[in-house]
């Protein structure tokens, strides 16, 4: 299994999903870490962390260029 790395973090699920979709349209699989906890406890998201957009280590450089 490929190691996942975080390439960007977001406060909202909507923004994270837009960029996740951009990556997947280019053939890069991605994962949203912490989405459930942030959406469940939105008032505390700053303290609990943000939604992390993650990709495989091998795709990280290409993905970072796409979401800039």
PDB file of N, CA and C in Angstrom:
ATOM      1  N   UNK A   1       0.843  -1.186   0.000  1.00  0.00           N
ATOM      2  CA  UNK A   1       0.000   0.000   0.000  1.00  0.00           C
ATOM      3  C   UNK A   1       0.880   1.238   0.000  1.00  0.00           C
ATOM      4  N   UNK A   2       0.486   2.236  -0.773  1.00  0.00           N
ATOM      5  CA  UNK A   2       1.225   3.488  -0.848  1.00  0.00           C
ATOM      6  C   UNK A   2       0.978   4.340   0.377  1.00  0.00           C
ATOM      7  N   UNK A   3       2.013   5.016   0.821  1.00  0.00           N
ATOM      8  CA  UNK A   3       1.886   5.926   1.948  1.00  0.00           C
ATOM      9  C   UNK A   3       1.143   7.178   1.489  1.00  0.00           C
ATOM     10  N   UNK A   4       0.180   7.625   2.309  1.00  0.00           N
ATOM     11  CA  UNK A   4      -0.554   8.844   1.998  1.00  0.00           C
ATOM     12  C   UNK A   4       0.137  10.042   2.627  1.00  0.00           C
ATOM     13  N   UNK A   5       0.143  11.153   1.887  1.00  0.00           N
ATOM     14  CA  UNK A   5       0.695  12.399   2.401  1.00  0.00           C
ATOM     15  C   UNK A   5      -0.346  13.498   2.233  1.00  0.00           C
ATOM     16  N   UNK A   6      -0.359  14.432   3.159  1.00  0.00           N
ATOM     17  CA  UNK A   6      -1.279  15.566   3.096  1.00  0.00           C
ATOM     18  C   UNK A   6      -0.669  16.639   2.212  1.00  0.00           C
ATOM     19  N   UNK A   7      -1.449  17.088   1.216  1.00  0.00           N
ATOM     20  CA  UNK A   7      -0.943  18.137   0.333  1.00  0.00           C
ATOM     21  C   UNK A   7      -1.600  19.485   0.599  1.00  0.00           C
ATOM     22  N   UNK A   8      -2.742  19.477   1.293  1.00  0.00           N
ATOM     23  CA  UNK A   8      -3.424  20.729   1.630  1.00  0.00           C
ATOM     24  C   UNK A   8      -4.480  20.430   2.681  1.00  0.00           C
ATOM     25  N   UNK A   9      -4.814  21.448   3.493  1.00  0.00           N
ATOM     26  CA  UNK A   9      -5.844  21.304   4.529  1.00  0.00           C
ATOM     27  C   UNK A   9      -6.909  22.375   4.336  1.00  0.00           C
ATOM     28  N   UNK A  10      -8.143  22.034   4.704  1.00  0.00           N
ATOM     29  CA  UNK A  10      -9.286  22.927   4.497  1.00  0.00           C
ATOM     30  C   UNK A  10     -10.173  22.970   5.729  1.00  0.00           C
ATOM     31  N   UNK A  11     -10.848  24.099   5.911  1.00  0.00           N
ATOM     32  CA  UNK A  11     -11.807  24.232   7.007  1.00  0.00           C
ATOM     33  C   UNK A  11     -13.169  23.675   6.630  1.00  0.00           C
ATOM     34  N   UNK A  12     -13.485  23.674   5.321  1.00  0.00           N
ATOM     35  CA  UNK A  12     -14.813  23.231   4.899  1.00  0.00           C
ATOM     36  C   UNK A  12     -14.745  22.016   3.982  1.00  0.00           C
ATOM     37  N   UNK A  13     -15.753  21.200   4.100  1.00  0.00           N
ATOM     38  CA  UNK A  13     -15.873  20.007   3.277  1.00  0.00           C
ATOM     39  C   UNK A  13     -16.084  20.373   1.808  1.00  0.00           C
ATOM     40  N   UNK A  14     -16.831  21.437   1.556  1.00  0.00           N
ATOM     41  CA  UNK A  14     -17.134  21.830   0.178  1.00  0.00           C
ATOM     42  C   UNK A  14     -15.860  22.139  -0.603  1.00  0.00           C
ATOM     43  N   UNK A  15     -14.990  22.939  -0.019  1.00  0.00           N
ATOM     44  CA  UNK A  15     -13.743  23.296  -0.694  1.00  0.00           C
ATOM     45  C   UNK A  15     -12.865  22.059  -0.919  1.00  0.00           C
ATOM     46  N   UNK A  16     -12.796  21.211   0.080  1.00  0.00           N
ATOM     47  CA  UNK A  16     -11.993  19.990  -0.026  1.00  0.00           C
ATOM     48  C   UNK A  16     -12.511  19.090  -1.149  1.00  0.00           C
ATOM     49  N   UNK A  17     -13.828  18.967  -1.269  1.00  0.00           N
ATOM     50  CA  UNK A  17     -14.407  18.095  -2.300  1.00  0.00           C
ATOM     51  C   UNK A  17     -14.195  18.651  -3.703  1.00  0.00           C
ATOM     52  N   UNK A  18     -14.202  19.963  -3.848  1.00  0.00           N
ATOM     53  CA  UNK A  18     -13.946  20.562  -5.168  1.00  0.00           C
ATOM     54  C   UNK A  18     -12.555  20.174  -5.657  1.00  0.00           C
ATOM     55  N   UNK A  19     -11.568  20.330  -4.791  1.00  0.00           N
ATOM     56  CA  UNK A  19     -10.201  20.019  -5.197  1.00  0.00           C
ATOM     57  C   UNK A  19      -9.958  18.517  -5.302  1.00  0.00           C
ATOM     58  N   UNK A  20     -10.637  17.740  -4.487  1.00  0.00           N
ATOM     59  CA  UNK A  20     -10.565  16.276  -4.609  1.00  0.00           C
ATOM     60  C   UNK A  20     -11.075  15.860  -5.990  1.00  0.00           C
ATOM     61  N   UNK A  21     -12.165  16.479  -6.424  1.00  0.00           N
ATOM     62  CA  UNK A  21     -12.717  16.194  -7.746  1.00  0.00           C
ATOM     63  C   UNK A  21     -11.769  16.572  -8.870  1.00  0.00           C
ATOM     64  N   UNK A  22     -11.065  17.694  -8.712  1.00  0.00           N
ATOM     65  CA  UNK A  22     -10.086  18.101  -9.726  1.00  0.00           C
ATOM     66  C   UNK A  22      -8.980  17.059  -9.858  1.00  0.00           C
ATOM     67  N   UNK A  23      -8.508  16.582  -8.717  1.00  0.00           N
ATOM     68  CA  UNK A  23      -7.450  15.570  -8.752  1.00  0.00           C
ATOM     69  C   UNK A  23      -7.945  14.282  -9.394  1.00  0.00           C
ATOM     70  N   UNK A  24      -9.121  13.846  -9.005  1.00  0.00           N
ATOM     71  CA  UNK A  24      -9.641  12.585  -9.529  1.00  0.00           C
ATOM     72  C   UNK A  24      -9.944  12.672 -11.020  1.00  0.00           C
ATOM     73  N   UNK A  25     -10.300  13.873 -11.511  1.00  0.00           N
ATOM     74  CA  UNK A  25     -10.529  14.037 -12.949  1.00  0.00           C
ATOM     75  C   UNK A  25      -9.229  13.903 -13.743  1.00  0.00           C
ATOM     76  N   UNK A  26      -8.102  14.075 -13.064  1.00  0.00           N
ATOM     77  CA  UNK A  26      -6.781  13.911 -13.691  1.00  0.00           C
ATOM     78  C   UNK A  26      -6.192  12.528 -13.408  1.00  0.00           C
ATOM     79  N   UNK A  27      -7.002  11.647 -12.797  1.00  0.00           N
ATOM     80  CA  UNK A  27      -6.563  10.283 -12.551  1.00  0.00           C
ATOM     81  C   UNK A  27      -5.785  10.080 -11.264  1.00  0.00           C
ATOM     82  N   UNK A  28      -5.826  11.062 -10.364  1.00  0.00           N
ATOM     83  CA  UNK A  28      -5.112  10.946  -9.092  1.00  0.00           C
ATOM     84  C   UNK A  28      -6.117  10.619  -7.995  1.00  0.00           C
ATOM     85  N   UNK A  29      -5.961   9.456  -7.392  1.00  0.00           N
ATOM     86  CA  UNK A  29      -6.846   9.067  -6.293  1.00  0.00           C
ATOM     87  C   UNK A  29      -6.498   9.890  -5.062  1.00  0.00           C
ATOM     88  N   UNK A  30      -7.538  10.300  -4.332  1.00  0.00           N
ATOM     89  CA  UNK A  30      -7.305  11.107  -3.138  1.00  0.00           C
ATOM     90  C   UNK A  30      -8.256  10.696  -2.024  1.00  0.00           C
ATOM     91  N   UNK A  31      -7.956  11.171  -0.836  1.00  0.00           N
ATOM     92  CA  UNK A  31      -8.689  10.810   0.368  1.00  0.00           C
ATOM     93  C   UNK A  31      -8.814  12.049   1.240  1.00  0.00           C
ATOM     94  N   UNK A  32      -9.972  12.211   1.897  1.00  0.00           N
ATOM     95  CA  UNK A  32     -10.171  13.334   2.810  1.00  0.00           C
ATOM     96  C   UNK A  32     -10.112  12.832   4.252  1.00  0.00           C
ATOM     97  N   UNK A  33      -9.042  13.146   4.924  1.00  0.00           N
ATOM     98  CA  UNK A  33      -8.844  12.736   6.314  1.00  0.00           C
ATOM     99  C   UNK A  33      -9.493  13.764   7.239  1.00  0.00           C
ATOM    100  N   UNK A  34     -10.137  13.302   8.266  1.00  0.00           N
ATOM    101  CA  UNK A  34     -10.794  14.126   9.302  1.00  0.00           C
ATOM    102  C   UNK A  34     -12.108  14.747   8.848  1.00  0.00           C
ATOM    103  N   UNK A  35     -12.613  14.387   7.683  1.00  0.00           N
ATOM    104  CA  UNK A  35     -13.842  15.009   7.195  1.00  0.00           C
ATOM    105  C   UNK A  35     -15.007  14.765   8.145  1.00  0.00           C
ATOM    106  N   UNK A  36     -15.165  13.557   8.615  1.00  0.00           N
ATOM    107  CA  UNK A  36     -16.284  13.233   9.498  1.00  0.00           C
ATOM    108  C   UNK A  36     -16.250  14.008  10.794  1.00  0.00           C
ATOM    109  N   UNK A  37     -15.104  14.066  11.439  1.00  0.00           N
ATOM    110  CA  UNK A  37     -15.002  14.751  12.729  1.00  0.00           C
ATOM    111  C   UNK A  37     -15.178  16.257  12.572  1.00  0.00           C
ATOM    112  N   UNK A  38     -14.623  16.830  11.512  1.00  0.00           N
ATOM    113  CA  UNK A  38     -14.758  18.275  11.298  1.00  0.00           C
ATOM    114  C   UNK A  38     -16.206  18.626  10.984  1.00  0.00           C
ATOM    115  N   UNK A  39     -16.874  17.823  10.151  1.00  0.00           N
ATOM    116  CA  UNK A  39     -18.275  18.099   9.825  1.00  0.00           C
ATOM    117  C   UNK A  39     -19.184  17.901  11.025  1.00  0.00           C
ATOM    118  N   UNK A  40     -18.878  16.940  11.866  1.00  0.00           N
ATOM    119  CA  UNK A  40     -19.691  16.671  13.047  1.00  0.00           C
ATOM    120  C   UNK A  40     -19.536  17.761  14.096  1.00  0.00           C
ATOM    121  N   UNK A  41     -18.331  18.268  14.230  1.00  0.00           N
ATOM    122  CA  UNK A  41     -18.028  19.267  15.261  1.00  0.00           C
ATOM    123  C   UNK A  41     -17.523  20.550  14.612  1.00  0.00           C
ATOM    124  N   UNK A  42     -18.299  21.103  13.695  1.00  0.00           N
ATOM    125  CA  UNK A  42     -17.865  22.250  12.901  1.00  0.00           C
ATOM    126  C   UNK A  42     -17.495  23.460  13.758  1.00  0.00           C
ATOM    127  N   UNK A  43     -18.150  23.653  14.885  1.00  0.00           N
ATOM    128  CA  UNK A  43     -17.838  24.797  15.745  1.00  0.00           C
ATOM    129  C   UNK A  43     -16.445  24.689  16.342  1.00  0.00           C
ATOM    130  N   UNK A  44     -15.917  23.481  16.414  1.00  0.00           N
ATOM    131  CA  UNK A  44     -14.607  23.272  17.018  1.00  0.00           C
ATOM    132  C   UNK A  44     -13.532  22.918  15.994  1.00  0.00           C
ATOM    133  N   UNK A  45     -13.811  23.108  14.712  1.00  0.00           N
ATOM    134  CA  UNK A  45     -12.891  22.620  13.687  1.00  0.00           C
ATOM    135  C   UNK A  45     -11.497  23.229  13.798  1.00  0.00           C
ATOM    136  N   UNK A  46     -11.395  24.481  14.237  1.00  0.00           N
ATOM    137  CA  UNK A  46     -10.063  25.071  14.384  1.00  0.00           C
ATOM    138  C   UNK A  46      -9.250  24.335  15.436  1.00  0.00           C
ATOM    139  N   UNK A  47      -9.902  23.914  16.504  1.00  0.00           N
ATOM    140  CA  UNK A  47      -9.199  23.218  17.578  1.00  0.00           C
ATOM    141  C   UNK A  47      -8.995  21.733  17.284  1.00  0.00           C
ATOM    142  N   UNK A  48      -9.887  21.142  16.516  1.00  0.00           N
ATOM    143  CA  UNK A  48      -9.842  19.699  16.272  1.00  0.00           C
ATOM    144  C   UNK A  48      -9.051  19.358  15.015  1.00  0.00           C
ATOM    145  N   UNK A  49      -8.694  20.349  14.251  1.00  0.00           N
ATOM    146  CA  UNK A  49      -7.965  20.102  13.016  1.00  0.00           C
ATOM    147  C   UNK A  49      -8.807  20.448  11.809  1.00  0.00           C
ATOM    148  N   UNK A  50      -8.236  20.261  10.681  1.00  0.00           N
ATOM    149  CA  UNK A  50      -8.895  20.572   9.430  1.00  0.00           C
ATOM    150  C   UNK A  50      -9.021  19.305   8.597  1.00  0.00           C
ATOM    151  N   UNK A  51      -9.778  19.427   7.522  1.00  0.00           N
ATOM    152  CA  UNK A  51      -9.912  18.319   6.581  1.00  0.00           C
ATOM    153  C   UNK A  51      -8.633  18.293   5.745  1.00  0.00           C
ATOM    154  N   UNK A  52      -7.974  17.154   5.734  1.00  0.00           N
ATOM    155  CA  UNK A  52      -6.709  17.022   5.021  1.00  0.00           C
ATOM    156  C   UNK A  52      -6.921  16.283   3.702  1.00  0.00           C
ATOM    157  N   UNK A  53      -6.508  16.921   2.618  1.00  0.00           N
ATOM    158  CA  UNK A  53      -6.542  16.288   1.299  1.00  0.00           C
ATOM    159  C   UNK A  53      -5.252  15.487   1.148  1.00  0.00           C
ATOM    160  N   UNK A  54      -5.406  14.172   1.002  1.00  0.00           N
ATOM    161  CA  UNK A  54      -4.246  13.290   0.941  1.00  0.00           C
ATOM    162  C   UNK A  54      -4.198  12.523  -0.373  1.00  0.00           C
ATOM    163  N   UNK A  55      -2.980  12.298  -0.826  1.00  0.00           N
ATOM    164  CA  UNK A  55      -2.728  11.492  -2.023  1.00  0.00           C
ATOM    165  C   UNK A  55      -1.552  10.570  -1.715  1.00  0.00           C
ATOM    166  N   UNK A  56      -1.308   9.628  -2.609  1.00  0.00           N
ATOM    167  CA  UNK A  56      -0.140   8.765  -2.416  1.00  0.00           C
ATOM    168  C   UNK A  56       1.124   9.609  -2.557  1.00  0.00           C
ATOM    169  N   UNK A  57       2.159   9.167  -1.873  1.00  0.00           N
ATOM    170  CA  UNK A  57       3.434   9.888  -1.906  1.00  0.00           C
ATOM    171  C   UNK A  57       3.918  10.061  -3.349  1.00  0.00           C
ATOM    172  N   UNK A  58       3.693   9.059  -4.172  1.00  0.00           N
ATOM    173  CA  UNK A  58       4.133   9.095  -5.567  1.00  0.00           C
ATOM    174  C   UNK A  58       3.408  10.165  -6.383  1.00  0.00           C
ATOM    175  N   UNK A  59       2.172  10.497  -6.009  1.00  0.00           N
ATOM    176  CA  UNK A  59       1.381  11.489  -6.747  1.00  0.00           C
ATOM    177  C   UNK A  59       1.447  12.893  -6.143  1.00  0.00           C
ATOM    178  N   UNK A  60       2.132  13.064  -5.033  1.00  0.00           N
ATOM    179  CA  UNK A  60       2.087  14.322  -4.283  1.00  0.00           C
ATOM    180  C   UNK A  60       2.557  15.528  -5.094  1.00  0.00           C
ATOM    181  N   UNK A  61       3.652  15.409  -5.793  1.00  0.00           N
ATOM    182  CA  UNK A  61       4.177  16.554  -6.546  1.00  0.00           C
ATOM    183  C   UNK A  61       3.221  16.963  -7.664  1.00  0.00           C
ATOM    184  N   UNK A  62       2.745  15.989  -8.422  1.00  0.00           N
ATOM    185  CA  UNK A  62       1.804  16.265  -9.517  1.00  0.00           C
ATOM    186  C   UNK A  62       0.507  16.864  -8.967  1.00  0.00           C
ATOM    187  N   UNK A  63      -0.007  16.308  -7.876  1.00  0.00           N
ATOM    188  CA  UNK A  63      -1.250  16.793  -7.279  1.00  0.00           C
ATOM    189  C   UNK A  63      -1.105  18.222  -6.771  1.00  0.00           C
ATOM    190  N   UNK A  64       0.018  18.532  -6.161  1.00  0.00           N
ATOM    191  CA  UNK A  64       0.249  19.884  -5.642  1.00  0.00           C
ATOM    192  C   UNK A  64       0.218  20.913  -6.760  1.00  0.00           C
ATOM    193  N   UNK A  65       0.751  20.565  -7.910  1.00  0.00           N
ATOM    194  CA  UNK A  65       0.741  21.479  -9.055  1.00  0.00           C
ATOM    195  C   UNK A  65      -0.680  21.690  -9.574  1.00  0.00           C
ATOM    196  N   UNK A  66      -1.492  20.657  -9.552  1.00  0.00           N
ATOM    197  CA  UNK A  66      -2.865  20.748 -10.059  1.00  0.00           C
ATOM    198  C   UNK A  66      -3.723  21.651  -9.188  1.00  0.00           C
ATOM    199  N   UNK A  67      -3.571  21.578  -7.873  1.00  0.00           N
ATOM    200  CA  UNK A  67      -4.474  22.329  -6.992  1.00  0.00           C
ATOM    201  C   UNK A  67      -4.009  23.749  -6.682  1.00  0.00           C
ATOM    202  N   UNK A  68      -2.886  24.164  -7.226  1.00  0.00           N
ATOM    203  CA  UNK A  68      -2.405  25.537  -6.976  1.00  0.00           C
ATOM    204  C   UNK A  68      -3.292  26.560  -7.605  1.00  0.00           C
TER     205      UNK A  68
END
